[in-house]
């Protein structure tokens, strides 16, 4: 497969890029600043691009089998803008991919809109960090946009606790409900998250769905 990855310099995007390449696929890493991307591989092309520009997206992803959106837009000086950028990216990706004739999209989502019990979201709980609330809401709103798209999208919400760690080769999946271990914890390494994402690209199980993964 030939896979375009937006946000390939981020914590998740880097690991997804390496996982895709390790499995013998080719990658177009689409980043805001090529000089920040130092990975080299014979099956890797690096291009500057804008995930908020549908015309640019169409030009960059044409000929690809799938697109991964692993971008993160955090603007410390304009927090009100954060809530719209994920939604704008959703609209741009849907439009741009349609122009390019590419129908498969996997989005790196957030955990905040996962349910902790029927009808109650993680981001509505007292334990959820207030500093992350605007981003959680914007990702929830972006998910609603993808849910209206006539394409094979998947929105991959990680476990609430995700960080660089070990690639163990194991994980459990769910859909809208948080996946917890026997101790009530929901966590996953960024490496295993990347593995689960590429598994979904290779053997889709959650087409036009949100899903999650944890130990």
Protein backbone atom coordinates (compact mmCIF):
# COMPACT_ATOMS: atom_id res chain seq x y z
CA UNK A 1 0.00 0.00 0.00
CA UNK A 2 0.94 3.63 -0.47
CA UNK A 3 -0.14 5.62 2.56
CA UNK A 4 -0.13 9.39 3.07
CA UNK A 5 0.46 10.38 6.70
CA UNK A 6 -0.32 13.87 7.98
CA UNK A 7 1.43 14.82 11.21
CA UNK A 8 4.30 12.40 10.69
CA UNK A 9 6.59 14.39 13.01
CA UNK A 10 4.36 13.94 16.08
CA UNK A 11 4.54 11.31 18.80
CA UNK A 12 1.93 9.11 17.12
CA UNK A 13 2.69 10.05 13.52
CA UNK A 14 6.36 9.12 13.81
CA UNK A 15 5.52 5.70 15.15
CA UNK A 16 2.83 5.05 12.58
CA UNK A 17 5.27 6.02 9.84
CA UNK A 18 7.90 3.61 11.13
CA UNK A 19 5.35 0.82 11.57
CA UNK A 20 4.05 1.25 8.02
CA UNK A 21 7.57 1.22 6.57
CA UNK A 22 8.58 -1.80 8.68
CA UNK A 23 5.74 -3.76 7.10
CA UNK A 24 6.96 -3.04 3.59
CA UNK A 25 4.48 -0.35 2.57
CA UNK A 26 5.41 3.07 1.19
CA UNK A 27 4.73 6.40 2.88
CA UNK A 28 4.21 9.99 1.84
CA UNK A 29 4.91 11.92 5.04
CA UNK A 30 3.09 15.25 4.77
CA UNK A 31 4.42 17.75 7.27
CA UNK A 32 4.36 21.49 7.90
CA UNK A 33 8.16 21.79 7.94
CA UNK A 34 10.32 19.32 6.01
CA UNK A 35 13.44 20.44 7.89
CA UNK A 36 12.01 18.95 11.11
CA UNK A 37 11.70 15.49 9.58
CA UNK A 38 14.95 13.53 9.64
CA UNK A 39 13.80 9.96 8.93
CA UNK A 40 15.22 8.49 5.73
CA UNK A 41 13.95 5.35 4.02
CA UNK A 42 13.82 4.17 0.38
CA UNK A 43 10.02 3.82 0.58
CA UNK A 44 9.50 7.26 2.13
CA UNK A 45 8.74 10.57 0.44
CA UNK A 46 8.48 13.75 2.54
CA UNK A 47 6.40 16.70 1.39
CA UNK A 48 5.22 19.94 2.93
CA UNK A 49 1.46 20.25 3.03
CA UNK A 50 -1.52 21.77 4.80
CA UNK A 51 -4.22 19.52 6.29
CA UNK A 52 -6.61 22.49 6.28
CA UNK A 53 -6.36 23.05 2.49
CA UNK A 54 -8.52 20.67 0.44
CA UNK A 55 -6.85 21.58 -2.86
CA UNK A 56 -3.40 20.90 -1.41
CA UNK A 57 -4.61 17.63 0.10
CA UNK A 58 -5.96 16.48 -3.26
CA UNK A 59 -2.61 17.15 -4.93
CA UNK A 60 -0.60 15.40 -2.20
CA UNK A 61 -2.64 12.21 -1.72
CA UNK A 62 -3.61 11.39 -5.29
CA UNK A 63 -2.56 7.82 -6.09
CA UNK A 64 -2.51 6.72 -2.44
CA UNK A 65 -4.41 3.75 -1.08
CA UNK A 66 -5.11 5.39 2.27
CA UNK A 67 -4.58 8.54 4.32
CA UNK A 68 -3.77 8.81 8.03
CA UNK A 69 -4.48 12.05 9.86
CA UNK A 70 -2.23 12.16 12.93
CA UNK A 71 -2.07 15.95 13.17
CA UNK A 72 -2.37 17.93 16.34
CA UNK A 73 -3.16 21.65 16.32
CA UNK A 74 -2.41 23.32 19.63
CA UNK A 75 -2.22 27.11 19.58
CA UNK A 76 -1.27 28.35 23.04
CA UNK A 77 -1.76 31.98 22.05
CA UNK A 78 -5.25 31.39 20.63
CA UNK A 79 -6.95 28.56 22.54
CA UNK A 80 -10.37 29.42 21.11
CA UNK A 81 -9.08 28.51 17.66
CA UNK A 82 -8.25 24.95 18.69
CA UNK A 83 -11.89 23.93 18.75
CA UNK A 84 -12.29 24.68 15.07
CA UNK A 85 -9.06 23.38 13.56
CA UNK A 86 -9.92 19.69 13.95
CA UNK A 87 -13.33 20.30 12.40
CA UNK A 88 -11.79 22.29 9.55
CA UNK A 89 -9.28 19.50 8.97
CA UNK A 90 -12.11 16.98 8.80
CA UNK A 91 -13.94 18.97 6.14
CA UNK A 92 -10.73 19.59 4.18
CA UNK A 93 -9.70 15.93 4.24
CA UNK A 94 -13.11 14.72 3.12
CA UNK A 95 -13.19 17.26 0.28
CA UNK A 96 -9.55 16.82 -0.77
CA UNK A 97 -9.65 13.04 -0.72
CA UNK A 98 -12.84 13.06 -2.78
CA UNK A 99 -11.10 15.22 -5.37
CA UNK A 100 -8.16 12.79 -5.41
CA UNK A 101 -10.33 9.68 -5.58
CA UNK A 102 -8.98 8.25 -2.31
CA UNK A 103 -11.60 6.71 -0.04
CA UNK A 104 -9.77 5.19 2.95
CA UNK A 105 -8.99 7.42 5.96
CA UNK A 106 -7.85 6.63 9.51
CA UNK A 107 -7.93 9.52 11.97
CA UNK A 108 -5.97 9.66 15.22
CA UNK A 109 -8.70 10.80 17.58
CA UNK A 110 -8.95 11.60 21.26
CA UNK A 111 -10.12 9.63 24.29
CA UNK A 112 -12.30 12.37 25.77
CA UNK A 113 -15.44 11.43 23.85
CA UNK A 114 -15.27 7.76 24.83
CA UNK A 115 -17.96 6.53 27.21
CA UNK A 116 -17.03 5.56 30.76
CA UNK A 117 -20.57 4.31 31.31
CA UNK A 118 -23.67 4.39 29.11
CA UNK A 119 -24.45 8.00 28.24
CA UNK A 120 -21.50 9.49 30.15
CA UNK A 121 -18.35 10.61 28.37
CA UNK A 122 -14.87 10.66 29.84
CA UNK A 123 -14.58 14.39 29.21
CA UNK A 124 -17.72 14.99 31.31
CA UNK A 125 -16.22 13.30 34.37
CA UNK A 126 -14.71 15.22 37.29
CA UNK A 127 -11.35 13.52 36.71
CA UNK A 128 -10.94 14.81 33.18
CA UNK A 129 -8.30 17.60 33.00
CA UNK A 130 -9.92 20.95 32.29
CA UNK A 131 -6.86 22.00 30.26
CA UNK A 132 -7.70 19.28 27.73
CA UNK A 133 -11.43 19.97 27.52
CA UNK A 134 -11.46 22.28 24.49
CA UNK A 135 -9.36 19.82 22.48
CA UNK A 136 -11.59 16.91 23.53
CA UNK A 137 -14.68 18.82 22.45
CA UNK A 138 -13.15 19.75 19.11
CA UNK A 139 -12.21 16.14 18.41
CA UNK A 140 -15.74 15.06 19.36
CA UNK A 141 -17.09 17.59 16.86
CA UNK A 142 -14.65 16.38 14.20
CA UNK A 143 -15.87 12.81 14.75
CA UNK A 144 -19.41 14.01 14.04
CA UNK A 145 -18.18 15.40 10.71
CA UNK A 146 -16.51 12.13 9.72
CA UNK A 147 -19.70 10.25 10.62
CA UNK A 148 -21.49 12.08 7.81
CA UNK A 149 -18.80 11.33 5.22
CA UNK A 150 -19.44 8.99 2.33
CA UNK A 151 -16.04 7.31 2.56
CA UNK A 152 -14.33 4.48 4.43
CA UNK A 153 -13.19 6.40 7.51
CA UNK A 154 -12.12 5.07 10.92
CA UNK A 155 -11.68 7.31 13.97
CA UNK A 156 -9.16 5.72 16.34
CA UNK A 157 -9.46 6.97 19.92
CA UNK A 158 -6.50 5.91 22.08
CA UNK A 159 -6.66 4.82 25.68
CA UNK A 160 -6.68 7.85 28.01
CA UNK A 161 -3.14 7.03 29.08
CA UNK A 162 -0.90 6.87 26.03
CA UNK A 163 2.83 7.55 26.01
CA UNK A 164 6.03 6.35 24.34
CA UNK A 165 6.98 2.91 25.57
CA UNK A 166 7.39 -0.67 24.43
CA UNK A 167 5.92 -2.41 21.42
CA UNK A 168 4.45 -5.45 23.16
CA UNK A 169 2.48 -6.69 20.18
CA UNK A 170 -0.77 -6.94 22.13
CA UNK A 171 -3.88 -4.82 22.64
CA UNK A 172 -7.64 -5.15 22.99
CA UNK A 173 -10.14 -3.15 20.98
CA UNK A 174 -13.53 -1.60 21.61
CA UNK A 175 -15.79 0.92 19.95
CA UNK A 176 -17.37 3.79 21.92
CA UNK A 177 -16.64 2.51 25.43
CA UNK A 178 -13.26 2.82 27.17
CA UNK A 179 -11.32 -0.46 27.32
CA UNK A 180 -9.98 -1.07 30.84
CA UNK A 181 -7.78 -3.74 32.38
CA UNK A 182 -8.55 -5.78 35.50
CA UNK A 183 -7.43 -2.85 37.65
CA UNK A 184 -9.73 -0.35 35.97
CA UNK A 185 -6.85 1.28 34.07
CA UNK A 186 -6.97 2.23 30.39
CA UNK A 187 -3.54 2.62 28.87
CA UNK A 188 -1.46 1.77 25.83
CA UNK A 189 2.01 2.58 24.54
CA UNK A 190 2.30 4.79 21.48
CA UNK A 191 4.11 1.91 19.79
CA UNK A 192 1.24 -0.54 20.29
CA UNK A 193 -1.27 2.13 19.28
CA UNK A 194 0.65 2.57 16.01
CA UNK A 195 0.66 -1.19 15.51
CA UNK A 196 -3.12 -1.32 16.03
CA UNK A 197 -3.63 1.52 13.56
CA UNK A 198 -1.62 -0.19 10.83
CA UNK A 199 -3.43 -3.48 11.57
CA UNK A 200 -6.66 -1.61 10.82
CA UNK A 201 -5.20 -0.30 7.55
CA UNK A 202 -4.16 -3.77 6.47
CA UNK A 203 -7.25 -5.66 7.67
CA UNK A 204 -10.13 -3.24 8.27
CA UNK A 205 -12.54 -4.14 11.05
CA UNK A 206 -13.91 -0.72 11.92
CA UNK A 207 -14.96 0.86 8.64
CA UNK A 208 -17.13 3.95 9.18
CA UNK A 209 -16.77 3.52 12.93
CA UNK A 210 -14.91 4.92 15.90
CA UNK A 211 -12.78 2.39 17.74
CA UNK A 212 -10.34 2.35 20.61
CA UNK A 213 -7.52 0.14 21.88
CA UNK A 214 -5.90 -0.52 25.25
CA UNK A 215 -4.28 -3.34 27.18
